[in-house]
Amino acid sequence: MSERVDPVRLEVFHHLISAYCEEAGVRLQKSAVSPNIRERADFSIAVFDGDGRLLAQAAHIPVHLGSAADAVAAARAECPLRPGDVVVLNDPYAGGTHLPDVTVVRPVFGRDRRRPAWFVVNRAHHADIGGSTPGSMGIAADLYAEGLVLPPVLLRRRGKLQQDLLRVLASNVRGAAERRIDLEAQEASLQQLERRLLQLVADQGEATVRRSIDALLDYTERQGRQVLRGLGDGIFHATDQLEDDGFGGGALPIDLVLRLRNGRAEFDWRGTCDQAKGGVNANRSIALAASVYAVRCLCPDRLPTNAGLFRLLTLRTRPGSLVEPRRPAPVAGGNVETSQRLVDVAFAALAAAAPQRVPAASAGTMSNLSFGGITAAGVEFASYETLPGGAGATATAAGQAAIQTHMTNTRNTPIEELEHRLPVRVRQLSVRRGSGGRGARRGGDGLGKEVEALQPLRVSFLGERHTSRPPGAAGGGPGTPGRLTVVRAGRRQRLPAKATFALREGDRVIVETPGGGGHGRA
């Protein structure tokens, strides 16, 4: 039990740490050059204490931050850390999520130079990390085809940049100069965050800061426990499925048994199917992130998100399953698609305990569109973006249209940015009217985007909910499924939700994202 800390001071401490993370996020976003980070804000920032406990995070990407503790643990285990060291990793089997998410961990040392006092972390989705397809989000049969794998290694050793590592990186990715600058932006944001934390300790004293940390985690645990106790004890079961793995593997069932008891929650995913051949496998970090996120959505908005909330959850998975795959199973879609379905299933289980507090299903997919090629000057390029869909309606409000939901929190890529930087023309970007589910409160509508190739491109699409429909709640209707279409010489061809294909000059790709489910009978 932590020592008592004045509640007002504790509130100030919490917001101060969170503000440091937000400020560092702005630094990263303004310093990066890729549209994926600068425009779409596909990155996250967090602070951990010297014991690897999550203290605060900016309001960035839930799937990033719910899993970042494993990155800190992997960095501590693999790299003896000294002042000036910086660790970089993306290995999904050693602290990462999927390969394009490059994580940088910077230990922060105080007066004790033998042991870090803090860990500052960011995770940014790079538009390409190598592999067989531009954007590194194509259909692959193993991890190695998805891109360059970085176990926890030192990017800086006692302050010295490891040039050999950067040369390896540059030789294995498309758009190497852009990747390098984005990585430098990640470093700059953590340097700023480090300065803020060291100044905080200098201003308040190490003992006061340590007491505040313990008190903040204990407070979050107490408040989270009250929320779970309010749901009552019980065992709740829910199931859903992914449509396929890109290799014709058929439906992939996801099964959850949720046990609520005495203010604690056990998320038991062991009934989920075996790992897939295609890259929709999700590691335990992602399963944990989805579970924590679902509980966090039932908590008051002002509740801090930190390790105190994680204390209330027990995660159970099965080795060799879709949510605990064995190396080298591919995982590119687990972070973006399976994570969304895990949230759908977790909400379905929680709805049995709190039916009026859980929304209908949202689009249930991030609709990942990536493409690349070679410019006339012989320079390789790659682009990646996620396309929003409809949000599920709630018991009190209709769902929002064309918005990112749940495990992602990114923005739209501006049309001007795409057309200025890349050989494409955006022919259409509009709300997909009427795609939300019917009900007393309608589900949000999805989005329609049409992109024309101005030179030959290689394109990958990774999506879900193209044959199944996002379900409604309390008698509300389901959302309309998504659709992927290619137009060649005026002829339309419908493609599956997971596909890699070529576009010639003048060809077009049309993505229509799913609508959210409705809530209540109309």
Protein backbone atom coordinates (compact mmCIF):
# COMPACT_ATOMS: atom_id res chain seq x y z
CA MET A 1 0.00 0.00 0.00
CA SER A 2 1.38 3.40 -1.01
CA GLU A 3 1.81 6.26 1.43
CA ARG A 4 -1.02 8.77 1.38
CA VAL A 5 -0.48 11.61 -1.09
CA ASP A 6 -2.60 14.75 -1.23
CA PRO A 7 -5.31 14.07 -3.89
CA VAL A 8 -4.87 17.45 -5.55
CA ARG A 9 -1.12 16.98 -5.85
CA LEU A 10 -1.70 13.48 -7.19
CA GLU A 11 -4.06 14.80 -9.85
CA VAL A 12 -1.52 17.42 -10.86
CA PHE A 13 1.22 14.78 -10.99
CA HIS A 14 -0.88 12.55 -13.23
CA HIS A 15 -1.72 15.34 -15.67
CA LEU A 16 1.86 16.57 -15.69
CA ILE A 17 3.26 13.19 -16.71
CA SER A 18 0.53 12.77 -19.32
CA ALA A 19 1.22 16.26 -20.68
CA TYR A 20 4.89 15.38 -21.05
CA CYS A 21 3.85 12.44 -23.24
CA GLU A 22 1.52 14.60 -25.34
CA GLU A 23 4.26 17.20 -25.79
CA ALA A 24 6.73 14.52 -26.88
CA GLY A 25 4.14 13.25 -29.35
CA VAL A 26 3.90 16.68 -30.92
CA ARG A 27 7.69 16.77 -31.20
CA LEU A 28 7.68 13.41 -32.96
CA GLN A 29 4.88 14.37 -35.32
CA LYS A 30 6.42 17.71 -36.28
CA SER A 31 9.88 16.22 -36.76
CA ALA A 32 8.89 13.23 -38.92
CA VAL A 33 8.61 13.48 -42.69
CA SER A 34 6.45 10.51 -43.66
CA PRO A 35 2.71 11.18 -44.07
CA ASN A 36 2.10 8.07 -42.00
CA ILE A 37 3.55 9.74 -38.89
CA ARG A 38 3.28 13.46 -39.63
CA GLU A 39 -0.25 13.46 -41.08
CA ARG A 40 -1.90 10.25 -39.87
CA ALA A 41 -0.28 10.38 -36.39
CA ASP A 42 0.33 6.63 -36.38
CA PHE A 43 2.54 6.61 -33.28
CA SER A 44 2.38 6.43 -29.49
CA ILE A 45 4.36 7.73 -26.49
CA ALA A 46 4.54 6.33 -22.95
CA VAL A 47 6.48 6.63 -19.68
CA PHE A 48 7.43 3.67 -17.49
CA ASP A 49 9.13 3.74 -14.11
CA GLY A 50 12.39 1.98 -13.34
CA ASP A 51 10.52 -1.25 -12.58
CA GLY A 52 8.89 -1.26 -16.00
CA ARG A 53 5.44 -0.17 -14.77
CA LEU A 54 3.36 1.95 -17.14
CA LEU A 55 2.80 5.39 -15.56
CA ALA A 56 1.27 7.50 -18.28
CA GLN A 57 0.62 7.63 -21.96
CA ALA A 58 -0.59 10.13 -24.49
CA ALA A 59 -4.01 9.58 -26.07
CA HIS A 60 -2.55 7.86 -29.10
CA ILE A 61 -2.98 4.27 -30.37
CA PRO A 62 -4.51 1.77 -27.88
CA VAL A 63 -2.99 -1.30 -29.51
CA HIS A 64 0.47 0.28 -29.28
CA LEU A 65 0.36 1.32 -25.67
CA GLY A 66 -1.44 -1.65 -24.22
CA SER A 67 1.44 -3.80 -25.44
CA ALA A 68 4.40 -1.46 -24.85
CA ALA A 69 5.28 -2.94 -21.44
CA ASP A 70 6.50 -6.06 -23.22
CA ALA A 71 8.88 -3.90 -25.27
CA VAL A 72 10.38 -2.46 -22.08
CA ALA A 73 10.69 -5.94 -20.58
CA ALA A 74 12.39 -7.25 -23.73
CA ALA A 75 14.82 -4.31 -23.84
CA ARG A 76 15.76 -4.85 -20.18
CA ALA A 77 16.23 -8.59 -20.69
CA GLU A 78 18.29 -8.44 -23.89
CA CYS A 79 20.40 -5.31 -23.47
CA PRO A 80 22.42 -4.47 -20.35
CA LEU A 81 21.54 -0.79 -20.19
CA ARG A 82 23.90 2.06 -19.39
CA PRO A 83 23.56 5.84 -19.57
CA GLY A 84 23.33 6.96 -23.18
CA ASP A 85 22.00 3.64 -24.47
CA VAL A 86 18.92 3.52 -26.71
CA VAL A 87 17.21 0.28 -27.78
CA VAL A 88 15.28 -0.26 -31.00
CA LEU A 89 13.10 -3.29 -31.81
CA ASN A 90 10.18 -4.50 -33.88
CA ASP A 91 10.29 -8.28 -33.36
CA PRO A 92 6.72 -9.43 -32.55
CA TYR A 93 8.20 -12.33 -30.59
CA ALA A 94 10.41 -10.07 -28.49
CA GLY A 95 8.39 -7.05 -27.41
CA GLY A 96 6.95 -5.84 -30.72
CA THR A 97 3.52 -6.04 -32.32
CA HIS A 98 4.05 -6.28 -36.08
CA LEU A 99 7.15 -5.38 -38.06
CA PRO A 100 6.23 -1.89 -39.34
CA ASP A 101 5.78 -0.74 -35.72
CA VAL A 102 9.31 0.29 -34.79
CA THR A 103 9.72 0.75 -31.03
CA VAL A 104 12.41 2.89 -29.42
CA VAL A 105 13.15 2.46 -25.70
CA ARG A 106 15.34 5.00 -23.93
CA PRO A 107 16.40 4.34 -20.32
CA VAL A 108 16.60 7.48 -18.19
CA PHE A 109 19.14 7.51 -15.37
CA GLY A 110 19.02 9.73 -12.32
CA ARG A 111 21.70 10.00 -9.65
CA ASP A 112 22.03 6.22 -9.56
CA ARG A 113 23.93 5.48 -12.76
CA ARG A 114 23.67 1.72 -12.26
CA ARG A 115 19.91 1.42 -12.71
CA PRO A 116 17.41 3.35 -14.87
CA ALA A 117 14.94 5.53 -12.98
CA TRP A 118 12.54 5.68 -15.97
CA PHE A 119 11.96 4.22 -19.39
CA VAL A 120 10.58 6.48 -22.11
CA VAL A 121 9.12 4.68 -25.10
CA ASN A 122 7.61 5.45 -28.46
CA ARG A 123 6.26 3.19 -31.16
CA ALA A 124 5.74 4.48 -34.70
CA HIS A 125 4.38 2.71 -37.75
CA HIS A 126 6.90 3.10 -40.57
CA ALA A 127 5.45 3.13 -44.07
CA ASP A 128 7.77 0.28 -45.07
CA ILE A 129 10.05 -2.15 -43.24
CA GLY A 130 11.01 -4.34 -46.21
CA GLY A 131 9.56 -7.71 -47.07
CA SER A 132 7.91 -8.98 -50.22
CA THR A 133 5.38 -6.16 -50.73
CA PRO A 134 5.57 -2.35 -50.58
CA GLY A 135 4.20 -1.15 -47.26
CA SER A 136 5.14 -4.47 -45.58
CA MET A 137 1.47 -5.35 -45.04
CA GLY A 138 0.92 -7.96 -47.73
CA ILE A 139 -0.05 -11.61 -47.46
CA ALA A 140 2.93 -13.65 -46.34
CA ALA A 141 3.41 -17.22 -45.15
CA ASP A 142 6.07 -16.43 -42.56
CA LEU A 143 7.54 -13.55 -40.60
CA TYR A 144 10.61 -13.23 -42.81
CA ALA A 145 8.53 -12.38 -45.88
CA GLU A 146 6.84 -9.58 -43.94
CA GLY A 147 10.00 -7.52 -43.50
CA LEU A 148 13.19 -6.86 -41.60
CA VAL A 149 13.11 -8.29 -38.07
CA LEU A 150 14.89 -6.27 -35.38
CA PRO A 151 15.30 -7.99 -32.01
CA PRO A 152 16.05 -5.63 -29.11
CA VAL A 153 19.39 -4.11 -30.15
CA LEU A 154 21.25 -0.94 -29.29
CA LEU A 155 20.57 1.96 -31.61
CA ARG A 156 22.92 4.01 -29.44
CA ARG A 157 25.64 2.61 -27.24
CA ARG A 158 26.61 5.10 -24.51
CA GLY A 159 25.37 7.87 -26.76
CA LYS A 160 27.12 6.73 -29.93
CA LEU A 161 24.84 6.01 -32.89
CA GLN A 162 25.37 2.51 -34.27
CA GLN A 163 25.99 3.23 -37.94
CA ASP A 164 26.28 -0.45 -38.88
CA LEU A 165 22.74 -1.05 -37.72
CA LEU A 166 21.47 1.92 -39.72
CA ARG A 167 23.18 0.59 -42.85
CA VAL A 168 21.47 -2.76 -42.39
CA LEU A 169 18.13 -0.98 -41.99
CA ALA A 170 18.66 1.23 -45.04
CA SER A 171 19.56 -1.79 -47.19
CA ASN A 172 16.35 -3.65 -46.36
CA VAL A 173 13.57 -1.07 -46.63
CA ARG A 174 11.93 1.04 -49.31
CA GLY A 175 12.30 4.78 -48.90
CA ALA A 176 15.37 4.45 -46.68
CA ALA A 177 15.95 8.20 -46.29
CA GLU A 178 12.41 8.69 -45.00
CA ARG A 179 12.77 5.78 -42.57
CA ARG A 180 16.01 7.29 -41.22
CA ILE A 181 14.47 10.72 -40.59
CA ASP A 182 11.41 9.21 -38.92
CA LEU A 183 13.68 7.20 -36.62
CA GLU A 184 15.59 10.37 -35.76
CA ALA A 185 12.26 12.02 -34.93
CA GLN A 186 11.47 9.15 -32.57
CA GLU A 187 14.78 9.73 -30.81
CA ALA A 188 14.24 13.49 -30.57
CA SER A 189 10.85 13.06 -28.91
CA LEU A 190 12.31 10.76 -26.25
CA GLN A 191 15.17 13.11 -25.55
CA GLN A 192 12.66 15.84 -24.84
CA LEU A 193 10.63 13.53 -22.59
CA GLU A 194 13.78 12.59 -20.68
CA ARG A 195 14.57 16.25 -19.99
CA ARG A 196 11.08 16.83 -18.62
CA LEU A 197 11.28 13.86 -16.25
CA LEU A 198 14.71 14.77 -14.94
CA GLN A 199 13.51 18.31 -14.27
CA LEU A 200 10.46 16.93 -12.46
CA VAL A 201 12.69 14.95 -10.10
CA ALA A 202 14.93 17.99 -9.60
CA ASP A 203 11.91 20.14 -8.72
CA GLN A 204 10.00 17.71 -6.47
CA GLY A 205 12.67 15.36 -5.17
CA GLU A 206 13.14 11.68 -5.85
CA ALA A 207 11.28 10.50 -2.73
CA THR A 208 8.21 12.62 -3.51
CA VAL A 209 8.10 11.44 -7.09
CA ARG A 210 8.38 7.80 -6.02
CA ARG A 211 5.53 8.20 -3.53
CA SER A 212 3.41 9.85 -6.21
CA ILE A 213 4.05 6.98 -8.62
CA ASP A 214 2.97 4.34 -6.13
CA ALA A 215 -0.07 6.36 -5.10
CA LEU A 216 -1.15 6.91 -8.69
CA LEU A 217 -0.99 3.21 -9.55
CA ASP A 218 -2.85 2.26 -6.37
CA TYR A 219 -5.53 4.86 -7.08
CA THR A 220 -6.12 3.52 -10.59
CA GLU A 221 -6.33 -0.02 -9.26
CA ARG A 222 -8.91 0.96 -6.63
CA GLN A 223 -11.09 2.83 -9.08
CA GLY A 224 -10.86 0.11 -11.69
CA ARG A 225 -11.79 -2.50 -9.11
CA GLN A 226 -14.93 -0.53 -8.24
CA VAL A 227 -15.93 -0.51 -11.91
CA LEU A 228 -15.50 -4.27 -12.21
CA ARG A 229 -17.35 -4.91 -8.96
CA GLY A 230 -20.21 -2.84 -10.35
CA LEU A 231 -20.56 -5.35 -13.16
CA GLY A 232 -21.16 -8.17 -10.68
CA ASP A 233 -19.61 -11.61 -10.57
CA GLY A 234 -20.23 -14.07 -13.34
CA ILE A 235 -18.93 -16.07 -16.27
CA PHE A 236 -19.69 -14.74 -19.74
CA HIS A 237 -18.94 -16.31 -23.10
CA ALA A 238 -18.62 -14.71 -26.53
CA THR A 239 -17.34 -15.80 -29.90
CA ASP A 240 -16.84 -14.37 -33.37
CA GLN A 241 -14.48 -15.07 -36.23
CA LEU A 242 -12.09 -13.63 -38.75
CA GLU A 243 -13.22 -14.26 -42.29
CA ASP A 244 -9.95 -15.71 -43.62
CA ASP A 245 -6.17 -15.47 -43.45
CA GLY A 246 -5.48 -14.52 -47.06
CA PHE A 247 -4.59 -18.08 -48.06
CA GLY A 248 -8.13 -19.44 -48.25
CA GLY A 249 -7.96 -20.79 -44.71
CA GLY A 250 -11.63 -20.13 -44.11
CA ALA A 251 -13.23 -18.76 -40.98
CA LEU A 252 -10.97 -18.44 -37.93
CA PRO A 253 -12.98 -18.63 -34.68
CA ILE A 254 -12.09 -16.38 -31.75
CA ASP A 255 -13.46 -17.54 -28.41
CA LEU A 256 -13.51 -15.76 -25.05
CA VAL A 257 -14.60 -16.86 -21.60
CA LEU A 258 -14.73 -13.79 -19.36
CA ARG A 259 -14.75 -14.42 -15.63
CA LEU A 260 -15.60 -11.51 -13.34
CA ARG A 261 -15.03 -12.07 -9.65
CA ASN A 262 -14.44 -9.75 -6.71
CA GLY A 263 -13.41 -6.79 -8.81
CA ARG A 264 -11.09 -8.71 -11.11
CA ALA A 265 -11.42 -9.90 -14.70
CA GLU A 266 -9.97 -13.02 -16.30
CA PHE A 267 -9.89 -12.98 -20.09
CA ASP A 268 -9.55 -16.57 -21.21
CA TRP A 269 -8.87 -16.78 -24.95
CA ARG A 270 -7.71 -20.42 -24.93
CA GLY A 271 -10.68 -21.60 -27.00
CA THR A 272 -9.49 -19.54 -29.97
CA CYS A 273 -8.45 -21.46 -33.08
CA ASP A 274 -4.94 -22.57 -33.94
CA GLN A 275 -2.54 -20.07 -35.50
CA ALA A 276 -3.18 -19.24 -39.14
CA LYS A 277 -0.99 -19.72 -42.18
CA GLY A 278 -1.50 -16.09 -43.20
CA GLY A 279 -0.50 -13.02 -41.22
CA VAL A 280 -3.56 -12.52 -39.01
CA ASN A 281 -1.88 -14.01 -35.94
CA ALA A 282 -1.72 -11.74 -32.89
CA ASN A 283 0.76 -12.17 -30.07
CA ARG A 284 -0.16 -12.10 -26.38
CA SER A 285 0.68 -8.41 -26.14
CA ILE A 286 -2.11 -7.59 -28.57
CA ALA A 287 -4.58 -9.86 -26.77
CA LEU A 288 -3.71 -8.08 -23.53
CA ALA A 289 -4.05 -4.65 -25.14
CA ALA A 290 -7.52 -5.51 -26.45
CA SER A 291 -8.63 -6.88 -23.09
CA VAL A 292 -7.39 -3.86 -21.15
CA TYR A 293 -8.91 -1.49 -23.69
CA ALA A 294 -12.35 -3.09 -23.36
CA VAL A 295 -12.28 -2.69 -19.57
CA ARG A 296 -10.90 0.84 -19.83
CA CYS A 297 -13.86 1.86 -21.99
CA LEU A 298 -16.19 1.12 -19.08
CA CYS A 299 -14.19 3.28 -16.67
CA PRO A 300 -14.65 7.02 -16.09
CA ASP A 301 -12.94 9.22 -18.67
CA ARG A 302 -10.72 10.86 -16.07
CA LEU A 303 -9.30 7.59 -14.77
CA PRO A 304 -5.55 7.37 -15.49
CA THR A 305 -4.48 4.53 -17.77
CA ASN A 306 -1.48 2.87 -16.16
CA ALA A 307 -0.19 -0.38 -14.68
CA GLY A 308 -2.72 -0.12 -11.86
CA LEU A 309 -5.46 -1.12 -14.30
CA PHE A 310 -3.40 -3.98 -15.68
CA ARG A 311 -3.16 -5.45 -12.15
CA LEU A 312 -6.87 -6.26 -12.28
CA LEU A 313 -6.66 -8.47 -15.35
CA THR A 314 -5.54 -12.04 -15.87
CA LEU A 315 -4.84 -13.12 -19.43
CA ARG A 316 -5.00 -16.74 -20.54
CA THR A 317 -3.94 -17.84 -24.01
CA ARG A 318 -2.85 -21.10 -25.61
CA PRO A 319 0.56 -21.56 -27.29
CA GLY A 320 0.17 -22.23 -30.99
CA SER A 321 -3.13 -20.39 -31.20
CA LEU A 322 -4.18 -17.31 -33.16
CA VAL A 323 -3.54 -15.18 -30.05
CA GLU A 324 -0.24 -16.80 -29.04
CA PRO A 325 1.42 -17.94 -32.27
CA ARG A 326 4.76 -19.67 -32.45
CA ARG A 327 7.65 -18.14 -34.34
CA PRO A 328 7.93 -17.62 -37.31
CA ALA A 329 4.18 -17.31 -37.88
CA PRO A 330 3.36 -14.10 -39.81
CA VAL A 331 1.65 -11.34 -37.82
CA ALA A 332 1.19 -8.23 -39.99
CA GLY A 333 -2.60 -8.33 -39.74
CA GLY A 334 -2.80 -9.41 -36.12
CA ASN A 335 -2.02 -5.91 -34.90
CA VAL A 336 -4.57 -4.22 -37.15
CA GLU A 337 -7.33 -6.73 -37.93
CA THR A 338 -7.32 -9.41 -35.24
CA SER A 339 -6.98 -6.75 -32.54
CA GLN A 340 -10.25 -5.21 -33.73
CA ARG A 341 -12.05 -8.54 -33.64
CA LEU A 342 -10.71 -9.25 -30.16
CA VAL A 343 -12.34 -6.00 -29.04
CA ASP A 344 -15.61 -7.03 -30.71
CA VAL A 345 -15.56 -10.30 -28.79
CA ALA A 346 -14.55 -8.68 -25.50
CA PHE A 347 -17.39 -6.15 -25.82
CA ALA A 348 -19.84 -8.93 -26.65
CA ALA A 349 -18.88 -10.70 -23.40
CA LEU A 350 -19.04 -7.49 -21.37
CA ALA A 351 -22.44 -6.67 -22.88
CA ALA A 352 -23.89 -9.64 -21.05
CA ALA A 353 -22.81 -8.00 -17.78
CA ALA A 354 -23.53 -4.38 -18.75
CA PRO A 355 -25.86 -4.32 -21.79
CA GLN A 356 -26.59 -0.59 -21.65
CA ARG A 357 -22.94 0.42 -21.42
CA VAL A 358 -21.50 -1.46 -24.37
CA PRO A 359 -21.96 -0.19 -27.95
CA ALA A 360 -22.84 -2.12 -31.06
CA ALA A 361 -19.92 -3.37 -33.10
CA SER A 362 -18.00 -0.83 -35.12
CA ALA A 363 -16.51 -1.48 -38.57
CA GLY A 364 -14.21 -4.11 -37.06
CA THR A 365 -11.35 -3.49 -39.47
CA MET A 366 -8.64 -0.90 -40.13
CA SER A 367 -8.92 -1.44 -43.92
CA ASN A 368 -5.17 -1.26 -44.58
CA LEU A 369 -4.22 0.07 -48.01
CA SER A 370 -0.56 0.12 -49.04
CA PHE A 371 1.14 0.53 -52.37
CA GLY A 372 4.52 1.31 -53.83
CA GLY A 373 6.73 1.37 -56.86
CA ILE A 374 9.75 3.05 -58.41
CA THR A 375 9.81 6.65 -59.60
CA ALA A 376 11.12 7.72 -63.00
CA ALA A 377 14.33 8.67 -61.22
CA GLY A 378 14.72 5.11 -59.95
CA VAL A 379 13.80 5.84 -56.33
CA GLU A 380 11.67 3.29 -54.47
CA PHE A 381 8.67 4.54 -52.53
CA ALA A 382 5.94 3.07 -50.37
CA SER A 383 2.70 4.36 -48.89
CA TYR A 384 0.52 3.00 -46.11
CA GLU A 385 -2.74 4.17 -44.57
CA THR A 386 -5.71 2.82 -42.69
CA LEU A 387 -9.19 3.84 -43.82
CA PRO A 388 -11.91 4.58 -41.26
CA GLY A 389 -15.32 2.95 -41.07
CA GLY A 390 -18.52 3.43 -39.13
CA ALA A 391 -18.69 3.47 -35.34
CA GLY A 392 -21.25 1.34 -33.56
CA ALA A 393 -24.24 3.10 -32.06
CA THR A 394 -24.74 3.22 -28.30
CA ALA A 395 -27.79 3.16 -26.06
CA THR A 396 -27.88 6.96 -26.17
CA ALA A 397 -26.36 8.07 -29.48
CA ALA A 398 -25.94 7.17 -33.13
CA GLY A 399 -22.54 6.01 -34.30
CA GLN A 400 -20.19 8.47 -35.98
CA ALA A 401 -19.42 8.11 -39.68
CA ALA A 402 -16.01 7.55 -41.29
CA ILE A 403 -14.01 7.46 -38.08
CA GLN A 404 -11.24 5.29 -36.71
CA THR A 405 -12.44 3.19 -33.79
CA HIS A 406 -11.14 1.10 -30.92
CA MET A 407 -7.57 -0.14 -31.36
CA THR A 408 -6.58 2.59 -33.77
CA ASN A 409 -6.77 6.34 -33.37
CA THR A 410 -5.16 7.63 -36.54
CA ARG A 411 -6.16 10.46 -38.84
CA ASN A 412 -6.97 10.62 -42.53
CA THR A 413 -4.15 11.15 -45.01
CA PRO A 414 -4.92 14.46 -46.77
CA ILE A 415 -5.63 14.10 -50.47
CA GLU A 416 -3.17 16.89 -51.23
CA GLU A 417 -0.41 15.04 -49.39
CA LEU A 418 -0.96 11.81 -51.31
CA GLU A 419 -1.16 13.48 -54.69
CA HIS A 420 1.82 15.75 -54.05
CA ARG A 421 4.17 13.00 -52.91
CA LEU A 422 3.03 9.96 -54.87
CA PRO A 423 2.02 9.10 -58.45
CA VAL A 424 -1.70 8.74 -57.68
CA ARG A 425 -4.88 10.74 -58.08
CA VAL A 426 -7.69 10.47 -55.52
CA ARG A 427 -10.88 10.33 -57.56
CA GLN A 428 -13.24 10.05 -54.62
CA LEU A 429 -13.23 10.35 -50.83
CA SER A 430 -16.71 10.37 -49.35
CA VAL A 431 -19.00 9.01 -46.66
CA ARG A 432 -20.67 5.75 -47.69
CA ARG A 433 -24.23 6.86 -47.04
CA GLY A 434 -26.63 4.29 -45.62
CA SER A 435 -23.97 1.73 -44.71
CA GLY A 436 -24.60 2.02 -40.96
CA GLY A 437 -26.92 -0.48 -39.32
CA ARG A 438 -30.56 0.42 -38.71
CA GLY A 439 -31.96 0.86 -35.24
CA ALA A 440 -33.33 3.31 -32.73
CA ARG A 441 -29.81 4.74 -32.98
CA ARG A 442 -28.21 4.13 -36.37
CA GLY A 443 -24.70 2.87 -36.78
CA GLY A 444 -22.15 5.19 -38.32
CA ASP A 445 -21.55 5.05 -42.05
CA GLY A 446 -18.36 3.80 -43.60
CA LEU A 447 -16.17 5.54 -46.17
CA GLY A 448 -15.54 5.25 -49.88
CA LYS A 449 -12.13 5.99 -51.40
CA GLU A 450 -11.11 5.68 -55.05
CA VAL A 451 -7.45 6.00 -56.06
CA GLU A 452 -6.14 6.09 -59.64
CA ALA A 453 -2.60 4.97 -60.47
CA LEU A 454 -0.58 7.45 -62.54
CA GLN A 455 2.17 4.88 -63.06
CA PRO A 456 2.46 1.13 -62.42
CA LEU A 457 1.97 0.30 -58.74
CA ARG A 458 2.00 -2.79 -56.58
CA VAL A 459 -0.87 -2.68 -54.09
CA SER A 460 -1.80 -4.64 -50.98
CA PHE A 461 -5.06 -4.51 -49.09
CA LEU A 462 -5.71 -6.09 -45.73
CA GLY A 463 -9.24 -5.90 -44.37
CA GLU A 464 -12.11 -7.71 -42.70
CA ARG A 465 -15.91 -7.62 -42.50
CA HIS A 466 -16.29 -8.05 -46.26
CA THR A 467 -18.49 -11.14 -45.97
CA SER A 468 -19.69 -10.80 -42.38
CA ARG A 469 -21.54 -7.76 -41.06
CA PRO A 470 -20.69 -5.74 -37.93
CA PRO A 471 -23.49 -6.82 -35.57
CA GLY A 472 -25.93 -4.44 -33.94
CA ALA A 473 -26.92 -4.44 -30.28
CA ALA A 474 -30.23 -4.60 -28.41
CA GLY A 475 -32.12 -5.44 -31.59
CA GLY A 476 -30.25 -3.01 -33.83
CA GLY A 477 -29.34 -4.00 -37.37
CA PRO A 478 -25.86 -4.90 -38.63
CA GLY A 479 -23.65 -2.60 -40.65
CA THR A 480 -23.05 -3.06 -44.37
CA PRO A 481 -19.97 -5.15 -45.23
CA GLY A 482 -16.92 -3.63 -46.86
CA ARG A 483 -15.90 -4.10 -50.47
CA LEU A 484 -12.69 -3.92 -52.53
CA THR A 485 -12.93 -3.26 -56.27
CA VAL A 486 -10.38 -2.76 -59.04
CA VAL A 487 -11.32 -0.95 -62.27
CA ARG A 488 -9.26 -1.82 -65.35
CA ALA A 489 -10.14 -0.42 -68.78
CA GLY A 490 -13.64 0.37 -67.54
CA ARG A 491 -14.27 -3.16 -66.23
CA ARG A 492 -14.85 -3.72 -62.51
CA GLN A 493 -13.44 -6.69 -60.63
CA ARG A 494 -14.28 -7.44 -57.02
CA LEU A 495 -11.34 -8.67 -54.96
CA PRO A 496 -11.19 -10.48 -51.60
CA ALA A 497 -10.51 -8.51 -48.42
CA LYS A 498 -6.88 -9.66 -48.34
CA ALA A 499 -5.14 -9.25 -51.65
CA THR A 500 -1.94 -8.16 -53.36
CA PHE A 501 -2.28 -6.98 -56.96
CA ALA A 502 -0.78 -4.77 -59.66
CA LEU A 503 -2.21 -1.56 -61.08
CA ARG A 504 -1.24 -0.18 -64.46
CA GLU A 505 -1.38 3.49 -65.33
CA GLY A 506 -5.03 4.55 -65.36
CA ASP A 507 -6.26 1.61 -63.25
CA ARG A 508 -8.23 2.43 -60.11
CA VAL A 509 -8.77 0.79 -56.74
CA ILE A 510 -11.97 1.46 -54.80
CA VAL A 511 -12.23 0.73 -51.08
CA GLU A 512 -15.61 0.83 -49.34
CA THR A 513 -15.35 0.36 -45.58
CA PRO A 514 -18.01 -1.26 -43.38
CA GLY A 515 -20.64 0.64 -41.44
CA GLY A 516 -21.17 0.23 -37.71
CA GLY A 517 -23.99 -1.71 -36.09
CA GLY A 518 -27.20 -0.02 -34.96
CA HIS A 519 -28.51 -0.01 -31.39
CA GLY A 520 -32.10 -0.73 -30.34
CA ARG A 521 -35.10 -1.67 -32.43
CA ALA A 522 -36.21 0.98 -34.90
